[in-house]
Protein backbone atom coordinates (compact mmCIF):
# COMPACT_ATOMS: atom_id res chain seq x y z
CA MET A 1 -15.01 11.52 -38.46
CA VAL A 2 -17.16 10.96 -35.38
CA ALA A 3 -15.46 11.85 -32.12
CA SER A 4 -15.03 9.00 -29.65
CA VAL A 5 -16.70 8.71 -26.29
CA GLU A 6 -13.24 9.01 -24.71
CA PHE A 7 -12.76 12.35 -26.49
CA PHE A 8 -15.91 13.80 -24.98
CA LEU A 9 -15.05 12.44 -21.54
CA ALA A 10 -11.67 14.09 -21.71
CA LEU A 11 -13.19 17.42 -22.66
CA ALA A 12 -15.67 17.12 -19.84
CA CYS A 13 -12.97 16.26 -17.36
CA GLN A 14 -10.85 19.21 -18.45
CA ALA A 15 -13.74 21.52 -17.62
CA LEU A 16 -14.08 20.16 -14.06
CA ALA A 17 -11.84 20.91 -11.11
CA GLN A 18 -10.16 18.02 -9.34
CA VAL A 19 -11.98 17.09 -6.17
CA TYR A 20 -10.28 15.54 -3.11
CA SER A 21 -9.52 16.47 0.43
CA ALA A 22 -7.22 15.49 3.31
CA ALA A 23 -9.94 13.06 4.58
CA THR A 24 -9.96 11.23 1.23
CA VAL A 25 -6.24 10.54 1.21
CA VAL A 26 -5.77 7.20 2.95
CA ASN A 27 -3.46 4.23 3.66
CA SER A 28 -4.36 1.77 0.83
CA ALA A 29 -4.58 -1.19 3.19
CA THR A 30 -6.37 0.29 6.22
CA TYR A 31 -8.25 3.27 4.65
CA ARG A 32 -7.13 5.39 7.63
CA PRO A 33 -6.45 9.00 6.72
CA GLU A 34 -2.73 8.71 7.17
CA LEU A 35 0.32 7.85 5.13
CA ALA A 36 3.93 6.70 5.85
CA PRO A 37 7.15 6.77 3.86
CA ASN A 38 7.34 3.85 1.42
CA ALA A 39 3.68 2.98 2.05
CA PHE A 40 0.88 2.67 -0.50
CA GLY A 41 -1.65 5.51 -0.43
CA THR A 42 -5.01 6.02 -2.19
CA ILE A 43 -6.71 9.26 -3.13
CA PHE A 44 -10.46 9.18 -3.60
CA GLY A 45 -12.20 12.02 -5.39
CA ALA A 46 -13.64 13.19 -8.66
CA SER A 47 -12.15 14.46 -12.03
CA LEU A 48 -8.80 13.02 -11.01
CA ALA A 49 -8.00 11.64 -14.44
CA TYR A 50 -9.45 11.34 -17.92
CA ALA A 51 -9.54 7.56 -17.97
CA THR A 52 -8.53 4.40 -16.14
CA ARG A 53 -4.93 3.20 -16.35
CA GLU A 54 -2.80 0.90 -14.18
CA MET A 55 0.94 0.50 -14.14
CA ARG A 56 2.34 -2.19 -16.52
CA SER A 57 5.71 -3.92 -16.48
CA GLU A 58 6.86 -1.80 -19.48
CA ASP A 59 6.21 1.40 -17.47
CA VAL A 60 9.16 0.54 -15.19
CA ALA A 61 12.04 2.00 -17.26
CA ALA A 62 15.65 1.37 -16.34
CA GLY A 63 14.44 -0.04 -13.02
CA LEU A 64 12.65 3.19 -12.00
CA LEU A 65 9.01 3.36 -11.07
CA PRO A 66 6.96 5.81 -13.07
CA VAL A 67 5.80 9.11 -11.50
CA VAL A 68 3.29 9.53 -14.33
CA LEU A 69 1.62 6.71 -16.28
CA PRO A 70 1.93 7.15 -20.01
CA GLY A 71 -1.08 8.97 -21.62
CA THR A 72 -2.58 9.99 -18.26
CA GLY A 73 -0.96 13.28 -17.27
CA VAL A 74 -1.62 12.51 -13.62
CA ARG A 75 1.00 13.24 -10.99
CA VAL A 76 0.93 13.17 -7.21
CA PHE A 77 3.32 15.30 -5.14
CA LEU A 78 4.15 15.03 -1.40
CA ASP A 79 6.09 18.08 -0.21
CA GLY A 80 7.13 18.67 -3.78
CA ILE A 81 8.42 15.12 -4.39
CA ALA A 82 6.72 13.21 -7.18
CA ALA A 83 5.28 9.93 -5.99
CA PRO A 84 5.39 6.70 -8.07
CA ILE A 85 1.97 6.00 -9.48
CA TRP A 86 0.30 2.56 -9.57
CA TYR A 87 -3.26 3.30 -10.80
CA VAL A 88 -5.41 6.21 -11.89
CA SER A 89 -9.06 6.65 -12.68
CA PRO A 90 -11.43 9.57 -12.57
CA GLY A 91 -12.40 8.63 -8.99
CA GLN A 92 -9.18 7.03 -7.55
CA ILE A 93 -5.41 7.21 -7.59
CA ASN A 94 -3.06 4.66 -6.03
CA PHE A 95 0.43 5.78 -5.36
CA LEU A 96 3.52 5.08 -3.29
CA ALA A 97 4.60 7.67 -0.68
CA PRO A 98 8.24 8.39 -1.39
CA GLY A 99 10.53 6.57 1.04
CA ASN A 100 12.87 9.58 1.41
CA LEU A 101 10.20 11.60 3.30
CA LEU A 102 10.42 12.07 7.10
CA GLY A 103 7.43 10.90 9.12
CA ASP A 104 5.55 12.08 12.27
CA ARG A 105 4.37 15.39 10.82
CA GLU A 106 1.97 16.88 8.34
CA ALA A 107 2.90 16.93 4.67
CA LYS A 108 1.53 18.90 1.73
CA LEU A 109 -0.09 16.78 -1.00
CA TRP A 110 -1.44 17.91 -4.35
CA VAL A 111 -2.38 16.26 -7.63
CA THR A 112 -1.76 17.64 -11.12
CA LEU A 113 -3.54 16.70 -14.28
CA ASP A 114 -1.75 17.77 -17.47
CA GLY A 115 -0.05 20.46 -15.35
CA ARG A 116 -3.23 21.80 -13.81
CA GLN A 117 -2.83 21.68 -10.02
CA GLY A 118 -5.63 20.54 -7.75
CA PRO A 119 -6.08 21.68 -4.13
CA GLU A 120 -3.09 21.54 -1.80
CA VAL A 121 -4.05 19.58 1.32
CA LEU A 122 -2.22 18.69 4.54
CA VAL A 123 -2.07 14.95 5.19
CA ARG A 124 -0.90 13.06 8.26
CA LEU A 125 2.49 11.45 7.61
CA LYS A 126 3.49 8.94 10.28
CA ALA A 127 6.80 7.18 10.60
CA GLU A 128 4.89 3.91 10.33
CA SER A 129 1.24 3.13 9.42
CA PRO A 130 0.98 -0.67 9.60
CA GLY A 131 -1.73 -2.35 7.66
CA LEU A 132 -2.52 -5.85 6.34
CA PHE A 133 -3.94 -5.99 2.84
CA PRO A 134 -7.55 -7.43 2.80
CA LEU A 135 -8.80 -9.99 0.41
CA ASP A 136 -12.34 -9.01 1.34
CA PRO A 137 -13.78 -6.99 4.32
CA GLU A 138 -13.23 -9.88 6.71
CA THR A 139 -10.21 -11.77 5.37
CA ILE A 140 -6.48 -10.86 4.98
CA ILE A 141 -4.50 -11.72 1.89
CA ALA A 142 -2.27 -14.66 2.75
CA ALA A 143 -0.49 -17.28 0.56
CA ARG A 144 1.41 -20.50 0.95
CA LEU A 145 5.06 -20.65 -0.03
CA ASP A 146 4.10 -22.06 -3.42
CA GLY A 147 2.08 -18.91 -4.11
CA THR A 148 -1.44 -20.40 -3.72
CA LEU A 149 -3.92 -18.09 -2.07
CA ILE A 150 -5.33 -19.02 1.38
CA GLN A 151 -9.14 -18.71 1.35
CA ARG A 152 -12.13 -19.97 3.29
CA GLU A 153 -12.50 -22.99 0.99
CA SER A 154 -8.72 -23.69 1.18
CA PRO A 155 -7.65 -22.57 4.70
CA ALA A 156 -4.12 -22.60 6.15
CA ALA A 157 -3.08 -25.41 8.50
CA LYS A 158 -1.39 -25.25 11.91
CA GLY A 159 2.35 -25.56 11.64
CA GLN A 160 2.28 -24.41 8.03
CA ASP A 161 4.64 -21.69 6.65
CA ILE A 162 2.63 -18.85 5.12
CA LEU A 163 3.10 -15.35 3.77
CA LEU A 164 1.22 -12.25 4.84
CA PHE A 165 1.37 -8.92 3.02
CA ALA A 166 1.43 -5.43 4.54
CA THR A 167 2.33 -1.84 3.99
CA GLY A 168 3.51 1.00 6.16
CA LEU A 169 6.18 -0.79 8.15
CA GLY A 170 8.79 1.96 7.84
CA PRO A 171 12.49 1.99 6.93
CA THR A 172 14.38 -1.17 6.06
CA VAL A 173 17.99 -2.25 6.20
CA PRO A 174 19.22 -1.59 3.59
CA GLU A 175 16.77 1.12 2.45
CA THR A 176 15.20 0.97 -1.01
CA PRO A 177 16.25 4.04 -2.96
CA TYR A 178 13.60 6.45 -4.26
CA ARG A 179 11.59 5.00 -7.20
CA GLN A 180 13.50 1.73 -7.19
CA LEU A 181 12.25 -1.84 -6.62
CA ALA A 182 13.67 -3.88 -3.79
CA ARG A 183 16.16 -6.30 -5.35
CA GLY A 184 16.45 -8.63 -2.36
CA ALA A 185 15.45 -9.19 1.24
CA ALA A 186 15.57 -6.10 3.50
CA PRO A 187 14.25 -6.45 7.06
CA ILE A 188 12.46 -3.57 8.70
CA ALA A 189 14.65 -1.39 10.84
CA ARG A 190 12.39 -1.73 13.90
CA ARG A 191 12.10 -5.47 13.82
CA ALA A 192 12.59 -5.77 17.57
CA GLU A 193 9.40 -3.73 18.08
CA PHE A 194 7.28 -5.78 15.72
CA ARG A 195 4.55 -8.09 16.96
CA LEU A 196 1.94 -10.21 15.26
CA LEU A 197 -1.25 -10.89 17.19
CA LEU A 198 -3.74 -13.79 16.71
CA ASN A 199 -6.94 -12.96 18.57
CA ASP A 200 -4.89 -10.31 20.49
CA ALA A 201 -2.34 -12.96 21.65
CA PRO A 202 1.20 -12.30 20.50
CA VAL A 203 2.77 -15.01 18.28
CA PRO A 204 6.11 -16.22 19.65
CA ASP A 205 8.85 -14.28 17.87
CA ASP A 206 10.64 -17.44 16.65
CA ARG A 207 7.52 -18.17 14.57
CA ILE A 208 8.02 -14.93 12.58
CA ARG A 209 10.82 -15.79 10.21
CA TYR A 210 11.01 -12.51 8.24
CA VAL A 211 9.47 -9.05 8.24
CA GLY A 212 10.65 -6.79 5.44
CA VAL A 213 10.11 -5.65 1.87
CA ALA A 214 8.99 -8.26 -0.69
CA PRO A 215 11.81 -8.69 -3.18
CA ASP A 216 11.14 -7.14 -6.63
CA PHE A 217 8.48 -4.88 -5.17
CA ALA A 218 8.27 -1.43 -3.63
CA GLY A 219 6.07 -0.47 -0.64
CA LEU A 220 5.00 -4.07 -0.22
CA TYR A 221 6.12 -5.79 3.00
CA GLN A 222 6.15 -9.54 3.50
CA ILE A 223 5.79 -11.40 6.74
CA ASN A 224 6.89 -15.03 6.80
CA LEU A 225 4.91 -16.86 9.49
CA ARG A 226 5.03 -20.38 10.73
CA VAL A 227 1.49 -20.83 12.08
CA PRO A 228 1.64 -21.91 15.77
CA GLU A 229 0.24 -25.43 16.49
CA ASP A 230 -2.00 -23.94 19.18
CA ALA A 231 -3.43 -21.18 17.01
CA PRO A 232 -7.23 -20.84 17.18
CA PRO A 233 -9.38 -21.42 14.12
CA ASP A 234 -9.91 -18.41 11.81
CA PRO A 235 -8.10 -15.97 14.21
CA GLU A 236 -8.24 -12.18 13.91
CA VAL A 237 -4.81 -10.99 12.73
CA ARG A 238 -3.26 -7.65 13.63
CA ILE A 239 0.31 -6.34 13.36
CA VAL A 240 1.91 -3.90 15.79
CA LEU A 241 4.98 -1.77 15.32
CA GLY A 242 5.89 0.28 18.37
CA GLU A 243 2.77 2.17 19.38
CA SER A 244 1.04 1.74 16.01
CA ALA A 245 -1.28 -1.18 15.22
CA SER A 246 -3.25 -2.33 12.21
CA PRO A 247 -7.04 -2.21 12.49
CA GLY A 248 -8.93 -5.25 13.74
CA GLY A 249 -11.58 -7.25 11.97
CA LEU A 250 -9.42 -9.17 9.50
CA ARG A 251 -9.14 -12.93 9.89
CA LEU A 252 -6.91 -15.70 8.57
CA PRO A 253 -8.74 -18.81 7.28
CA LEU A 254 -7.22 -21.52 9.47
CA ARG A 255 -8.27 -25.05 10.43
């Protein structure tokens, strides 16, 4: 029997040490080298996994998110707590920082592959690390209430209700338990300190209908926005929570 390509790749990967550093552990939305509890993180490196695998619906057993994807042997630990895993490949891991961690400090992170531990690195863990998910390098992910995607060829309209998607907005009320999906609406705890900026101008608060976890998800926050009638075309969009702000440069297609 001829051995498969996957077999030889697995042997080669076993012979290589996992390669990553504190600088290559980033917020999945902003690519800043910082994490926050209940926020999506990404590890870039080499020899992180034998093959590529993403989380599937059947991997969520008894309502609990997996801390290892079947057949991968890849685990991520933050201060000894196993993080739910969304995606693994030899060069990248996407995970969810456990929500029961405390922020505003350094945390120890390491990756194991079939029990073999990679380097232990210190990563910046903030209480919040707000970021809007990008559709491309210049455009945010936004949708209409019917789920259709807002794009340059199908922009949003002034006065329209739309959804924006973010990560890193901190604790919610009620909190989502470790490894569980949010079963309903849960506003962020620091809602009074949240602002949404269009071209650096704050949107009136009554136009922001909801800021909290997206139901049936974990680590994904949803912002329900009624676009102001005086909004400029294709504005830059940023979100601010307390002293932390998402990076600039992302725009909402709007006419």
